[in-house]
C-alpha atoms as a PDB file:
ATOM      1  CA  MET A   1      57.899 -93.244 -31.525  1.00  0.00           C
ATOM      2  CA  GLY A   2      54.953 -91.997 -33.582  1.00  0.00           C
ATOM      3  CA  ARG A   3      53.657 -90.045 -30.574  1.00  0.00           C
ATOM      4  CA  ILE A   4      57.044 -88.434 -30.012  1.00  0.00           C
ATOM      5  CA  THR A   5      57.831 -87.294 -33.540  1.00  0.00           C
ATOM      6  CA  SER A   6      56.232 -87.299 -36.981  1.00  0.00           C
ATOM      7  CA  PRO A   7      57.027 -90.174 -39.390  1.00  0.00           C
ATOM      8  CA  GLN A   8      58.866 -87.837 -41.770  1.00  0.00           C
ATOM      9  CA  TYR A   9      61.215 -86.822 -38.941  1.00  0.00           C
ATOM     10  CA  ARG A  10      61.756 -90.272 -37.436  1.00  0.00           C
ATOM     11  CA  LYS A  11      65.020 -91.109 -39.234  1.00  0.00           C
ATOM     12  CA  ALA A  12      66.481 -87.696 -38.415  1.00  0.00           C
ATOM     13  CA  PHE A  13      65.449 -88.019 -34.762  1.00  0.00           C
ATOM     14  CA  ILE A  14      67.111 -91.432 -34.408  1.00  0.00           C
ATOM     15  CA  LEU A  15      70.332 -90.129 -35.951  1.00  0.00           C
ATOM     16  CA  VAL A  16      70.369 -87.039 -33.762  1.00  0.00           C
ATOM     17  CA  THR A  17      69.790 -89.158 -30.650  1.00  0.00           C
ATOM     18  CA  THR A  18      72.959 -91.140 -31.406  1.00  0.00           C
ATOM     19  CA  LEU A  19      74.887 -87.894 -30.973  1.00  0.00           C
ATOM     20  CA  PHE A  20      73.743 -87.638 -27.356  1.00  0.00           C
ATOM     21  CA  PHE A  21      75.192 -91.088 -26.692  1.00  0.00           C
ATOM     22  CA  MET A  22      78.478 -90.245 -28.426  1.00  0.00           C
ATOM     23  CA  TRP A  23      79.240 -87.124 -26.433  1.00  0.00           C
ATOM     24  CA  GLY A  24      78.153 -88.853 -23.227  1.00  0.00           C
ATOM     25  CA  LEU A  25      80.602 -91.652 -24.051  1.00  0.00           C
ATOM     26  CA  SER A  26      83.409 -89.160 -24.603  1.00  0.00           C
ATOM     27  CA  TYR A  27      82.759 -87.432 -21.291  1.00  0.00           C
ATOM     28  CA  GLY A  28      82.506 -90.767 -19.495  1.00  0.00           C
ATOM     29  CA  LEU A  29      86.020 -91.675 -20.656  1.00  0.00           C
ATOM     30  CA  ILE A  30      87.600 -88.532 -19.162  1.00  0.00           C
ATOM     31  CA  ASP A  31      88.054 -89.776 -15.586  1.00  0.00           C
ATOM     32  CA  VAL A  32      89.472 -93.091 -16.810  1.00  0.00           C
ATOM     33  CA  LEU A  33      91.906 -91.243 -19.072  1.00  0.00           C
ATOM     34  CA  ASN A  34      92.866 -89.050 -16.141  1.00  0.00           C
ATOM     35  CA  LYS A  35      93.893 -92.051 -14.034  1.00  0.00           C
ATOM     36  CA  HIS A  36      95.612 -93.722 -16.979  1.00  0.00           C
ATOM     37  CA  PHE A  37      97.704 -90.642 -17.762  1.00  0.00           C
ATOM     38  CA  GLN A  38      98.731 -90.328 -14.119  1.00  0.00           C
ATOM     39  CA  GLU A  39     100.103 -93.859 -14.253  1.00  0.00           C
ATOM     40  CA  THR A  40     101.570 -94.045 -17.763  1.00  0.00           C
ATOM     41  CA  LEU A  41     102.829 -90.471 -18.238  1.00  0.00           C
ATOM     42  CA  SER A  42     103.680 -89.726 -14.579  1.00  0.00           C
ATOM     43  CA  VAL A  43     101.207 -86.863 -14.573  1.00  0.00           C
ATOM     44  CA  SER A  44     100.533 -85.352 -11.154  1.00  0.00           C
ATOM     45  CA  LYS A  45      97.008 -84.900  -9.850  1.00  0.00           C
ATOM     46  CA  ALA A  46      97.453 -81.146 -10.169  1.00  0.00           C
ATOM     47  CA  GLN A  47      98.506 -81.470 -13.811  1.00  0.00           C
ATOM     48  CA  SER A  48      95.645 -83.852 -14.527  1.00  0.00           C
ATOM     49  CA  GLY A  49      93.274 -81.000 -13.771  1.00  0.00           C
ATOM     50  CA  LEU A  50      94.307 -79.614 -17.145  1.00  0.00           C
ATOM     51  CA  ILE A  51      92.254 -82.380 -18.770  1.00  0.00           C
ATOM     52  CA  GLN A  52      89.039 -80.862 -17.447  1.00  0.00           C
ATOM     53  CA  ALA A  53      90.307 -77.372 -18.291  1.00  0.00           C
ATOM     54  CA  ALA A  54      91.039 -78.339 -21.908  1.00  0.00           C
ATOM     55  CA  TYR A  55      87.753 -80.205 -22.265  1.00  0.00           C
ATOM     56  CA  PHE A  56      85.407 -77.596 -20.863  1.00  0.00           C
ATOM     57  CA  GLY A  57      87.508 -74.692 -22.086  1.00  0.00           C
ATOM     58  CA  ALA A  58      86.750 -75.876 -25.611  1.00  0.00           C
ATOM     59  CA  TYR A  59      83.017 -75.737 -24.862  1.00  0.00           C
ATOM     60  CA  PHE A  60      83.437 -72.126 -23.736  1.00  0.00           C
ATOM     61  CA  VAL A  61      85.381 -71.238 -26.896  1.00  0.00           C
ATOM     62  CA  ILE A  62      83.041 -72.903 -29.395  1.00  0.00           C
ATOM     63  CA  ALA A  63      79.569 -72.209 -27.957  1.00  0.00           C
ATOM     64  CA  ILE A  64      78.860 -68.806 -29.528  1.00  0.00           C
ATOM     65  CA  PRO A  65      80.670 -69.429 -32.859  1.00  0.00           C
ATOM     66  CA  ALA A  66      78.804 -72.730 -33.247  1.00  0.00           C
ATOM     67  CA  GLY A  67      75.453 -71.055 -32.657  1.00  0.00           C
ATOM     68  CA  LEU A  68      76.206 -68.315 -35.166  1.00  0.00           C
ATOM     69  CA  PHE A  69      77.442 -70.839 -37.725  1.00  0.00           C
ATOM     70  CA  MET A  70      74.255 -72.875 -37.454  1.00  0.00           C
ATOM     71  CA  GLU A  71      72.078 -69.796 -37.807  1.00  0.00           C
ATOM     72  CA  TRP A  72      73.940 -69.169 -41.058  1.00  0.00           C
ATOM     73  CA  LYS A  73      74.351 -72.685 -42.477  1.00  0.00           C
ATOM     74  CA  GLY A  74      71.796 -74.790 -40.627  1.00  0.00           C
ATOM     75  CA  TYR A  75      71.824 -77.728 -38.226  1.00  0.00           C
ATOM     76  CA  LYS A  76      73.150 -80.269 -40.705  1.00  0.00           C
ATOM     77  CA  ALA A  77      76.264 -78.212 -41.405  1.00  0.00           C
ATOM     78  CA  GLY A  78      76.783 -77.743 -37.673  1.00  0.00           C
ATOM     79  CA  ILE A  79      76.443 -81.463 -36.980  1.00  0.00           C
ATOM     80  CA  LEU A  80      78.851 -82.380 -39.789  1.00  0.00           C
ATOM     81  CA  SER A  81      81.370 -79.823 -38.524  1.00  0.00           C
ATOM     82  CA  GLY A  82      81.067 -81.190 -34.993  1.00  0.00           C
ATOM     83  CA  LEU A  83      81.508 -84.785 -36.129  1.00  0.00           C
ATOM     84  CA  SER A  84      84.531 -83.815 -38.246  1.00  0.00           C
ATOM     85  CA  LEU A  85      86.213 -82.160 -35.267  1.00  0.00           C
ATOM     86  CA  TYR A  86      85.305 -85.124 -33.039  1.00  0.00           C
ATOM     87  CA  ALA A  87      86.870 -87.598 -35.498  1.00  0.00           C
ATOM     88  CA  LEU A  88      89.948 -85.392 -36.016  1.00  0.00           C
ATOM     89  CA  GLY A  89      90.528 -85.081 -32.273  1.00  0.00           C
ATOM     90  CA  ALA A  90      90.158 -88.834 -31.787  1.00  0.00           C
ATOM     91  CA  LEU A  91      92.662 -89.516 -34.592  1.00  0.00           C
ATOM     92  CA  LEU A  92      95.109 -87.072 -33.003  1.00  0.00           C
ATOM     93  CA  PHE A  93      95.421 -89.641 -30.202  1.00  0.00           C
ATOM     94  CA  VAL A  94      97.550 -91.694 -32.628  1.00  0.00           C
ATOM     95  CA  PRO A  95     100.482 -89.230 -32.844  1.00  0.00           C
ATOM     96  CA  ALA A  96      99.923 -88.212 -29.210  1.00  0.00           C
ATOM     97  CA  ALA A  97     100.383 -91.828 -28.108  1.00  0.00           C
ATOM     98  CA  SER A  98     103.451 -92.213 -30.330  1.00  0.00           C
ATOM     99  CA  ALA A  99     104.997 -89.104 -28.775  1.00  0.00           C
ATOM    100  CA  ALA A 100     103.791 -90.114 -25.279  1.00  0.00           C
ATOM    101  CA  SER A 101     103.042 -86.425 -24.786  1.00  0.00           C
ATOM    102  CA  PHE A 102     100.503 -85.333 -22.203  1.00  0.00           C
ATOM    103  CA  HIS A 103     100.218 -81.899 -23.795  1.00  0.00           C
ATOM    104  CA  PHE A 104      99.549 -83.449 -27.188  1.00  0.00           C
ATOM    105  CA  PHE A 105      96.754 -85.486 -25.592  1.00  0.00           C
ATOM    106  CA  LEU A 106      95.369 -82.279 -24.089  1.00  0.00           C
ATOM    107  CA  PHE A 107      95.292 -80.721 -27.554  1.00  0.00           C
ATOM    108  CA  ALA A 108      93.523 -83.790 -28.968  1.00  0.00           C
ATOM    109  CA  LEU A 109      90.916 -83.617 -26.180  1.00  0.00           C
ATOM    110  CA  PHE A 110      90.473 -79.905 -26.845  1.00  0.00           C
ATOM    111  CA  VAL A 111      89.715 -80.619 -30.523  1.00  0.00           C
ATOM    112  CA  ILE A 112      87.286 -83.398 -29.554  1.00  0.00           C
ATOM    113  CA  ALA A 113      85.488 -81.052 -27.166  1.00  0.00           C
ATOM    114  CA  LEU A 114      85.256 -78.364 -29.862  1.00  0.00           C
ATOM    115  CA  GLY A 115      83.380 -80.916 -31.944  1.00  0.00           C
ATOM    116  CA  LEU A 116      81.183 -81.951 -29.033  1.00  0.00           C
ATOM    117  CA  GLY A 117      80.320 -78.317 -28.346  1.00  0.00           C
ATOM    118  CA  CYS A 118      79.074 -78.019 -31.929  1.00  0.00           C
ATOM    119  CA  LEU A 119      77.084 -81.233 -31.582  1.00  0.00           C
ATOM    120  CA  GLU A 120      75.427 -80.195 -28.323  1.00  0.00           C
ATOM    121  CA  THR A 121      74.513 -76.789 -29.713  1.00  0.00           C
ATOM    122  CA  ALA A 122      72.888 -78.424 -32.738  1.00  0.00           C
ATOM    123  CA  ALA A 123      71.402 -81.579 -31.256  1.00  0.00           C
ATOM    124  CA  ASN A 124      69.549 -80.068 -28.300  1.00  0.00           C
ATOM    125  CA  SER A 125      67.706 -77.581 -30.481  1.00  0.00           C
ATOM    126  CA  TYR A 126      67.253 -79.943 -33.409  1.00  0.00           C
ATOM    127  CA  SER A 127      65.850 -82.769 -31.286  1.00  0.00           C
ATOM    128  CA  SER A 128      63.257 -80.392 -29.858  1.00  0.00           C
ATOM    129  CA  ALA A 129      62.285 -79.119 -33.310  1.00  0.00           C
ATOM    130  CA  LEU A 130      61.763 -82.531 -34.954  1.00  0.00           C
ATOM    131  CA  GLY A 131      58.005 -82.693 -34.515  1.00  0.00           C
ATOM    132  CA  SER A 132      55.174 -81.001 -32.706  1.00  0.00           C
ATOM    133  CA  SER A 133      56.014 -78.385 -30.114  1.00  0.00           C
ATOM    134  CA  ASP A 134      53.664 -80.238 -27.734  1.00  0.00           C
ATOM    135  CA  THR A 135      56.071 -83.200 -27.573  1.00  0.00           C
ATOM    136  CA  ALA A 136      59.332 -81.224 -27.795  1.00  0.00           C
ATOM    137  CA  GLU A 137      60.169 -81.760 -24.113  1.00  0.00           C
ATOM    138  CA  THR A 138      59.495 -85.496 -24.400  1.00  0.00           C
ATOM    139  CA  ARG A 139      61.793 -85.788 -27.430  1.00  0.00           C
ATOM    140  CA  LEU A 140      64.581 -83.896 -25.692  1.00  0.00           C
ATOM    141  CA  ASN A 141      64.257 -85.984 -22.515  1.00  0.00           C
ATOM    142  CA  LEU A 142      64.395 -89.200 -24.538  1.00  0.00           C
ATOM    143  CA  SER A 143      67.486 -88.040 -26.411  1.00  0.00           C
ATOM    144  CA  GLN A 144      69.160 -86.911 -23.196  1.00  0.00           C
ATOM    145  CA  SER A 145      68.592 -90.328 -21.636  1.00  0.00           C
ATOM    146  CA  PHE A 146      71.066 -91.674 -24.217  1.00  0.00           C
ATOM    147  CA  ASN A 147      73.569 -89.082 -23.044  1.00  0.00           C
ATOM    148  CA  GLY A 148      73.313 -90.626 -19.581  1.00  0.00           C
ATOM    149  CA  LEU A 149      73.754 -94.077 -21.098  1.00  0.00           C
ATOM    150  CA  GLY A 150      76.918 -92.880 -22.827  1.00  0.00           C
ATOM    151  CA  GLN A 151      78.299 -91.436 -19.581  1.00  0.00           C
ATOM    152  CA  PHE A 152      77.615 -94.780 -17.884  1.00  0.00           C
ATOM    153  CA  THR A 153      79.203 -96.776 -20.716  1.00  0.00           C
ATOM    154  CA  GLY A 154      82.343 -94.620 -20.980  1.00  0.00           C
ATOM    155  CA  PRO A 155      83.969 -95.590 -17.657  1.00  0.00           C
ATOM    156  CA  LEU A 156      83.072 -99.253 -18.151  1.00  0.00           C
ATOM    157  CA  LEU A 157      84.587 -99.276 -21.641  1.00  0.00           C
ATOM    158  CA  GLY A 158      87.647 -97.317 -20.558  1.00  0.00           C
ATOM    159  CA  GLY A 159      88.257 -99.534 -17.540  1.00  0.00           C
ATOM    160  CA  LEU A 160      87.944-102.666 -19.647  1.00  0.00           C
ATOM    161  CA  LEU A 161      90.195-101.465 -22.476  1.00  0.00           C
ATOM    162  CA  PHE A 162      92.767 -99.412 -20.560  1.00  0.00           C
ATOM    163  CA  PHE A 163      93.131-101.613 -17.486  1.00  0.00           C
ATOM    164  CA  GLY A 164      91.676-104.915 -18.647  1.00  0.00           C
ATOM    165  CA  GLY A 165      95.041-106.613 -18.656  1.00  0.00           C
ATOM    166  CA  GLY A 166      95.326-106.326 -14.910  1.00  0.00           C
ATOM    167  CA  GLY A 167      98.257-103.918 -14.957  1.00  0.00           C
ATOM    168  CA  ASP A 168      98.715-100.256 -15.633  1.00  0.00           C
ATOM    169  CA  GLY A 169      98.919-100.942 -19.361  1.00  0.00           C
ATOM    170  CA  ASP A 170     100.375 -98.516 -21.855  1.00  0.00           C
ATOM    171  CA  LEU A 171      99.175 -95.959 -24.361  1.00  0.00           C
ATOM    172  CA  GLU A 172      98.434 -98.490 -27.099  1.00  0.00           C
ATOM    173  CA  ALA A 173      95.044 -99.243 -25.568  1.00  0.00           C
ATOM    174  CA  VAL A 174      94.233 -95.530 -25.518  1.00  0.00           C
ATOM    175  CA  ARG A 175      95.393 -95.121 -29.110  1.00  0.00           C
ATOM    176  CA  TRP A 176      93.258 -97.940 -30.506  1.00  0.00           C
ATOM    177  CA  THR A 177      90.226 -97.077 -28.411  1.00  0.00           C
ATOM    178  CA  TYR A 178      90.149 -93.613 -29.935  1.00  0.00           C
ATOM    179  CA  VAL A 179      90.845 -94.937 -33.421  1.00  0.00           C
ATOM    180  CA  GLY A 180      87.744 -97.089 -32.950  1.00  0.00           C
ATOM    181  CA  ILE A 181      85.754 -94.070 -31.756  1.00  0.00           C
ATOM    182  CA  ALA A 182      86.967 -92.081 -34.772  1.00  0.00           C
ATOM    183  CA  CYS A 183      85.760 -94.826 -37.110  1.00  0.00           C
ATOM    184  CA  VAL A 184      82.295 -94.800 -35.517  1.00  0.00           C
ATOM    185  CA  VAL A 185      82.147 -91.005 -35.736  1.00  0.00           C
ATOM    186  CA  ILE A 186      83.192 -91.053 -39.405  1.00  0.00           C
ATOM    187  CA  VAL A 187      80.419 -93.554 -40.165  1.00  0.00           C
ATOM    188  CA  LEU A 188      77.951 -91.269 -38.400  1.00  0.00           C
ATOM    189  CA  ALA A 189      79.222 -88.292 -40.404  1.00  0.00           C
ATOM    190  CA  ILE A 190      78.672 -90.219 -43.649  1.00  0.00           C
ATOM    191  CA  LEU A 191      75.136 -91.119 -42.564  1.00  0.00           C
ATOM    192  CA  PHE A 192      74.346 -87.505 -41.728  1.00  0.00           C
ATOM    193  CA  ALA A 193      75.845 -86.396 -45.040  1.00  0.00           C
ATOM    194  CA  VAL A 194      73.725 -88.745 -47.172  1.00  0.00           C
ATOM    195  CA  VAL A 195      70.450 -88.584 -45.240  1.00  0.00           C
ATOM    196  CA  ASP A 196      68.089 -85.775 -46.184  1.00  0.00           C
ATOM    197  CA  LEU A 197      67.703 -83.865 -42.917  1.00  0.00           C
ATOM    198  CA  PRO A 198      64.938 -81.251 -42.785  1.00  0.00           C
ATOM    199  CA  ASP A 199      66.105 -77.676 -42.264  1.00  0.00           C
ATOM    200  CA  LEU A 200      63.832 -76.528 -39.453  1.00  0.00           C
ATOM    201  CA  ARG A 201      65.163 -73.030 -38.875  1.00  0.00           C
ATOM    202  CA  SER A 202      62.126 -71.404 -40.484  1.00  0.00           C
ATOM    203  CA  HIS A 203      59.852 -73.749 -38.501  1.00  0.00           C
ATOM    204  CA  GLU A 204      61.496 -72.692 -35.228  1.00  0.00           C
ATOM    205  CA  GLU A 205      61.265 -69.013 -36.121  1.00  0.00           C
ATOM    206  CA  ALA A 206      57.560 -69.426 -36.854  1.00  0.00           C
ATOM    207  CA  GLN A 207      56.992 -71.142 -33.485  1.00  0.00           C
ATOM    208  CA  ALA A 208      58.981 -68.437 -31.685  1.00  0.00           C
ATOM    209  CA  GLY A 209      56.879 -65.799 -33.405  1.00  0.00           C
END
């Protein structure tokens, strides 16, 4: 770890790397949710395409505003905003499950993806900046490997929780899975809020110059 980042940045780098896992996990759950909604909400395959549209449409909407916001307020503010939206979207699965509304679930996924768009915008740049420019690519590759781990874990977790009973299940499993995710995200937000994260915007500008 010492060769990848400086000791004063180590804690920040570890925290930022957890974000890569969390948005990989969220994406990994999408296909499992798609199948689950087809079975529990009688959603057609054509309608289920709206899940991808809502998810990636949010990335398109948030990308530029998130970048501008972080130029103004810094990476920490961007990460906290992204985690807040992620947790809010996950908690919206509670009323969506109660209403058994596919469109409500789409809205919840849209809010989650808004948060993930903020996190990706912040974490990719921040991970690269947390140390020497000579090891920036190594840091980013290491962080991104946890994104792949999250994408691998998501379908396994979703299959176990949504279909683990052997039948089609119901929306309760979806509800409580996302409540659990929201709790983890809230804990991460608290950690990011209390940890002193270096503001590296001036450092990046100097390197770019």
